[in-house]
């Protein structure tokens, strides 16, 4: 069984440097951003969302732990009194495929319930079929689909 532990500042620094790079790569891969602007735009987005880092109000950044070993991260933001949003979930590559993401998602739902949330949303890139499958199995429903075609 995994547990969620609020990130300390050292864990946050490790997370944020990796998250910016990964987010920039995903935005380029999905065709939203150009490579040369991607890191700058990702940094700006994280600064906007987390102006006070791991201490940003109404944002809960957790290290996902299994037997005291860090296996990933999950970030829940409280967007309103009743609505939460999962901005990120990532399981380290060597721990993927062991059900930790599914467990972390269930744990974050418990966190949300304790906060009084009634709904939790998330975004998933269209090309991430594994994540989409997981979220659908957990009962998340598609609310919007954006499509585009290069011409």
C-alpha atoms as a PDB file:
ATOM      1  CA  UNK A   1       0.000   0.000   0.000  1.00  0.00           C
ATOM      2  CA  UNK A   2       1.233   3.483  -0.841  1.00  0.00           C
ATOM      3  CA  UNK A   3       0.894   6.657   1.192  1.00  0.00           C
ATOM      4  CA  UNK A   4       0.900  10.323   0.257  1.00  0.00           C
ATOM      5  CA  UNK A   5       3.297  12.578   2.156  1.00  0.00           C
ATOM      6  CA  UNK A   6       3.335  16.358   1.644  1.00  0.00           C
ATOM      7  CA  UNK A   7       6.518  17.394  -0.174  1.00  0.00           C
ATOM      8  CA  UNK A   8       9.269  19.181   1.708  1.00  0.00           C
ATOM      9  CA  UNK A   9      11.201  21.985   0.002  1.00  0.00           C
ATOM     10  CA  UNK A  10      14.018  19.695  -1.199  1.00  0.00           C
ATOM     11  CA  UNK A  11      11.530  17.260  -2.747  1.00  0.00           C
ATOM     12  CA  UNK A  12       9.721  20.200  -4.329  1.00  0.00           C
ATOM     13  CA  UNK A  13      12.923  21.512  -5.941  1.00  0.00           C
ATOM     14  CA  UNK A  14      13.620  18.078  -7.425  1.00  0.00           C
ATOM     15  CA  UNK A  15      10.023  17.801  -8.583  1.00  0.00           C
ATOM     16  CA  UNK A  16       9.745  21.264 -10.142  1.00  0.00           C
ATOM     17  CA  UNK A  17      12.911  20.982 -12.245  1.00  0.00           C
ATOM     18  CA  UNK A  18      11.756  17.628 -13.623  1.00  0.00           C
ATOM     19  CA  UNK A  19       8.121  18.723 -14.031  1.00  0.00           C
ATOM     20  CA  UNK A  20       9.003  21.831 -16.059  1.00  0.00           C
ATOM     21  CA  UNK A  21      11.100  19.760 -18.470  1.00  0.00           C
ATOM     22  CA  UNK A  22       8.435  17.041 -18.813  1.00  0.00           C
ATOM     23  CA  UNK A  23       5.583  19.528 -19.255  1.00  0.00           C
ATOM     24  CA  UNK A  24       7.546  21.416 -21.918  1.00  0.00           C
ATOM     25  CA  UNK A  25       8.215  18.142 -23.773  1.00  0.00           C
ATOM     26  CA  UNK A  26       4.526  17.142 -23.596  1.00  0.00           C
ATOM     27  CA  UNK A  27       3.393  20.531 -24.933  1.00  0.00           C
ATOM     28  CA  UNK A  28       5.844  20.245 -27.860  1.00  0.00           C
ATOM     29  CA  UNK A  29       4.829  16.622 -28.533  1.00  0.00           C
ATOM     30  CA  UNK A  30       1.146  17.575 -28.562  1.00  0.00           C
ATOM     31  CA  UNK A  31       1.863  20.401 -31.012  1.00  0.00           C
ATOM     32  CA  UNK A  32       0.898  23.206 -28.624  1.00  0.00           C
ATOM     33  CA  UNK A  33       4.300  24.868 -28.305  1.00  0.00           C
ATOM     34  CA  UNK A  34       7.482  25.239 -30.343  1.00  0.00           C
ATOM     35  CA  UNK A  35      10.604  23.577 -28.929  1.00  0.00           C
ATOM     36  CA  UNK A  36      12.535  26.844 -28.549  1.00  0.00           C
ATOM     37  CA  UNK A  37       9.854  28.469 -26.388  1.00  0.00           C
ATOM     38  CA  UNK A  38       8.759  25.424 -24.419  1.00  0.00           C
ATOM     39  CA  UNK A  39      10.978  25.645 -21.306  1.00  0.00           C
ATOM     40  CA  UNK A  40      10.290  29.357 -20.823  1.00  0.00           C
ATOM     41  CA  UNK A  41       6.537  28.852 -21.208  1.00  0.00           C
ATOM     42  CA  UNK A  42       6.537  25.862 -18.837  1.00  0.00           C
ATOM     43  CA  UNK A  43       8.456  27.872 -16.217  1.00  0.00           C
ATOM     44  CA  UNK A  44       5.967  30.741 -16.545  1.00  0.00           C
ATOM     45  CA  UNK A  45       3.038  28.344 -16.123  1.00  0.00           C
ATOM     46  CA  UNK A  46       4.482  26.762 -12.961  1.00  0.00           C
ATOM     47  CA  UNK A  47       5.298  30.179 -11.475  1.00  0.00           C
ATOM     48  CA  UNK A  48       1.702  31.275 -12.153  1.00  0.00           C
ATOM     49  CA  UNK A  49       0.211  28.105 -10.627  1.00  0.00           C
ATOM     50  CA  UNK A  50       2.644  27.744  -7.702  1.00  0.00           C
ATOM     51  CA  UNK A  51       3.880  31.261  -6.829  1.00  0.00           C
ATOM     52  CA  UNK A  52       4.906  30.058  -3.344  1.00  0.00           C
ATOM     53  CA  UNK A  53       6.174  26.651  -4.416  1.00  0.00           C
ATOM     54  CA  UNK A  54       5.049  23.729  -2.289  1.00  0.00           C
ATOM     55  CA  UNK A  55       3.597  26.226   0.216  1.00  0.00           C
ATOM     56  CA  UNK A  56       1.144  27.730  -2.297  1.00  0.00           C
ATOM     57  CA  UNK A  57      -2.275  27.962  -0.680  1.00  0.00           C
ATOM     58  CA  UNK A  58      -4.916  25.438  -1.768  1.00  0.00           C
ATOM     59  CA  UNK A  59      -2.290  23.299  -3.523  1.00  0.00           C
ATOM     60  CA  UNK A  60      -1.305  19.930  -2.121  1.00  0.00           C
ATOM     61  CA  UNK A  61       1.872  18.436  -3.549  1.00  0.00           C
ATOM     62  CA  UNK A  62       2.583  14.923  -2.360  1.00  0.00           C
ATOM     63  CA  UNK A  63       5.404  12.470  -2.677  1.00  0.00           C
ATOM     64  CA  UNK A  64       3.928   9.039  -3.321  1.00  0.00           C
ATOM     65  CA  UNK A  65       5.718   6.576  -1.033  1.00  0.00           C
ATOM     66  CA  UNK A  66       5.799   2.802  -0.864  1.00  0.00           C
ATOM     67  CA  UNK A  67       7.572   1.479   2.252  1.00  0.00           C
ATOM     68  CA  UNK A  68       9.205   4.907   2.761  1.00  0.00           C
ATOM     69  CA  UNK A  69      10.607   4.812  -0.788  1.00  0.00           C
ATOM     70  CA  UNK A  70       9.584   7.722  -3.044  1.00  0.00           C
ATOM     71  CA  UNK A  71       7.904   6.195  -6.096  1.00  0.00           C
ATOM     72  CA  UNK A  72       6.224   9.269  -7.582  1.00  0.00           C
ATOM     73  CA  UNK A  73       4.329  12.504  -7.083  1.00  0.00           C
ATOM     74  CA  UNK A  74       0.757  13.768  -7.216  1.00  0.00           C
ATOM     75  CA  UNK A  75      -0.493  17.364  -7.084  1.00  0.00           C
ATOM     76  CA  UNK A  76      -4.052  18.339  -6.183  1.00  0.00           C
ATOM     77  CA  UNK A  77      -5.253  21.945  -6.340  1.00  0.00           C
ATOM     78  CA  UNK A  78      -8.457  23.108  -4.679  1.00  0.00           C
ATOM     79  CA  UNK A  79      -9.988  25.299  -7.393  1.00  0.00           C
ATOM     80  CA  UNK A  80     -13.163  26.185  -5.470  1.00  0.00           C
ATOM     81  CA  UNK A  81     -15.065  25.031  -2.427  1.00  0.00           C
ATOM     82  CA  UNK A  82     -16.342  21.940  -4.272  1.00  0.00           C
ATOM     83  CA  UNK A  83     -13.903  21.425  -7.184  1.00  0.00           C
ATOM     84  CA  UNK A  84     -10.388  20.034  -7.192  1.00  0.00           C
ATOM     85  CA  UNK A  85      -7.976  19.541 -10.065  1.00  0.00           C
ATOM     86  CA  UNK A  86      -5.109  17.085 -10.352  1.00  0.00           C
ATOM     87  CA  UNK A  87      -2.360  19.003 -12.107  1.00  0.00           C
ATOM     88  CA  UNK A  88       0.159  16.207 -12.082  1.00  0.00           C
ATOM     89  CA  UNK A  89       0.625  12.572 -11.276  1.00  0.00           C
ATOM     90  CA  UNK A  90       3.834  10.818 -12.107  1.00  0.00           C
ATOM     91  CA  UNK A  91       5.204   7.461 -11.064  1.00  0.00           C
ATOM     92  CA  UNK A  92       8.949   6.990 -11.529  1.00  0.00           C
ATOM     93  CA  UNK A  93       9.696   4.764 -14.497  1.00  0.00           C
ATOM     94  CA  UNK A  94      11.116   1.857 -12.478  1.00  0.00           C
ATOM     95  CA  UNK A  95       7.875   1.704 -10.438  1.00  0.00           C
ATOM     96  CA  UNK A  96       5.383   2.009 -13.296  1.00  0.00           C
ATOM     97  CA  UNK A  97       3.010  -0.856 -14.009  1.00  0.00           C
ATOM     98  CA  UNK A  98       2.688  -1.861 -10.338  1.00  0.00           C
ATOM     99  CA  UNK A  99      -0.627  -0.139  -9.634  1.00  0.00           C
ATOM    100  CA  UNK A 100       0.871   2.797  -7.712  1.00  0.00           C
ATOM    101  CA  UNK A 101      -0.796   5.438  -9.916  1.00  0.00           C
ATOM    102  CA  UNK A 102      -4.183   3.820  -9.335  1.00  0.00           C
ATOM    103  CA  UNK A 103      -3.564   3.732  -5.567  1.00  0.00           C
ATOM    104  CA  UNK A 104      -2.354   7.354  -5.569  1.00  0.00           C
ATOM    105  CA  UNK A 105      -5.466   8.450  -7.457  1.00  0.00           C
ATOM    106  CA  UNK A 106      -7.698   6.725  -4.905  1.00  0.00           C
ATOM    107  CA  UNK A 107      -5.749   8.328  -2.038  1.00  0.00           C
ATOM    108  CA  UNK A 108      -5.998  11.796  -3.592  1.00  0.00           C
ATOM    109  CA  UNK A 109      -9.759  11.319  -3.885  1.00  0.00           C
ATOM    110  CA  UNK A 110      -9.828  10.699  -0.114  1.00  0.00           C
ATOM    111  CA  UNK A 111      -7.813  13.903   0.402  1.00  0.00           C
ATOM    112  CA  UNK A 112     -10.340  15.733  -1.777  1.00  0.00           C
ATOM    113  CA  UNK A 113     -13.279  14.361   0.197  1.00  0.00           C
ATOM    114  CA  UNK A 114     -11.682  15.533   3.454  1.00  0.00           C
ATOM    115  CA  UNK A 115     -11.353  19.011   1.904  1.00  0.00           C
ATOM    116  CA  UNK A 116     -15.081  18.918   1.105  1.00  0.00           C
ATOM    117  CA  UNK A 117     -14.609  18.569  -2.643  1.00  0.00           C
ATOM    118  CA  UNK A 118     -17.426  17.036  -4.680  1.00  0.00           C
ATOM    119  CA  UNK A 119     -15.554  16.696  -8.006  1.00  0.00           C
ATOM    120  CA  UNK A 120     -11.964  16.307  -9.152  1.00  0.00           C
ATOM    121  CA  UNK A 121     -10.911  17.094 -12.694  1.00  0.00           C
ATOM    122  CA  UNK A 122      -7.682  16.501 -14.566  1.00  0.00           C
ATOM    123  CA  UNK A 123      -6.107  17.007 -17.965  1.00  0.00           C
ATOM    124  CA  UNK A 124      -4.510  14.266 -19.985  1.00  0.00           C
ATOM    125  CA  UNK A 125      -2.690  14.685 -23.270  1.00  0.00           C
ATOM    126  CA  UNK A 126      -4.441  12.871 -26.096  1.00  0.00           C
ATOM    127  CA  UNK A 127      -1.352  10.836 -26.959  1.00  0.00           C
ATOM    128  CA  UNK A 128      -1.112   9.419 -23.414  1.00  0.00           C
ATOM    129  CA  UNK A 129      -3.299   6.360 -23.944  1.00  0.00           C
ATOM    130  CA  UNK A 130      -2.072   4.528 -20.813  1.00  0.00           C
ATOM    131  CA  UNK A 131      -3.088   7.392 -18.529  1.00  0.00           C
ATOM    132  CA  UNK A 132      -6.393   7.858 -20.329  1.00  0.00           C
ATOM    133  CA  UNK A 133      -7.186   4.178 -19.824  1.00  0.00           C
ATOM    134  CA  UNK A 134      -6.366   4.380 -16.118  1.00  0.00           C
ATOM    135  CA  UNK A 135      -8.516   7.463 -15.548  1.00  0.00           C
ATOM    136  CA  UNK A 136     -11.465   5.923 -17.394  1.00  0.00           C
ATOM    137  CA  UNK A 137     -11.167   2.739 -15.277  1.00  0.00           C
ATOM    138  CA  UNK A 138     -11.263   4.936 -12.162  1.00  0.00           C
ATOM    139  CA  UNK A 139     -14.519   6.539 -13.314  1.00  0.00           C
ATOM    140  CA  UNK A 140     -13.237   9.805 -14.784  1.00  0.00           C
ATOM    141  CA  UNK A 141     -15.377  10.896 -17.706  1.00  0.00           C
ATOM    142  CA  UNK A 142     -14.380  12.877 -20.769  1.00  0.00           C
ATOM    143  CA  UNK A 143     -15.802  16.383 -20.497  1.00  0.00           C
ATOM    144  CA  UNK A 144     -14.015  18.047 -23.430  1.00  0.00           C
ATOM    145  CA  UNK A 145     -12.098  16.856 -26.441  1.00  0.00           C
ATOM    146  CA  UNK A 146      -9.895  19.237 -28.395  1.00  0.00           C
ATOM    147  CA  UNK A 147      -8.728  18.050 -31.786  1.00  0.00           C
ATOM    148  CA  UNK A 148      -6.550  19.545 -34.455  1.00  0.00           C
ATOM    149  CA  UNK A 149      -4.953  18.567 -37.716  1.00  0.00           C
ATOM    150  CA  UNK A 150      -1.823  19.883 -39.320  1.00  0.00           C
ATOM    151  CA  UNK A 151      -2.474  21.043 -42.876  1.00  0.00           C
END
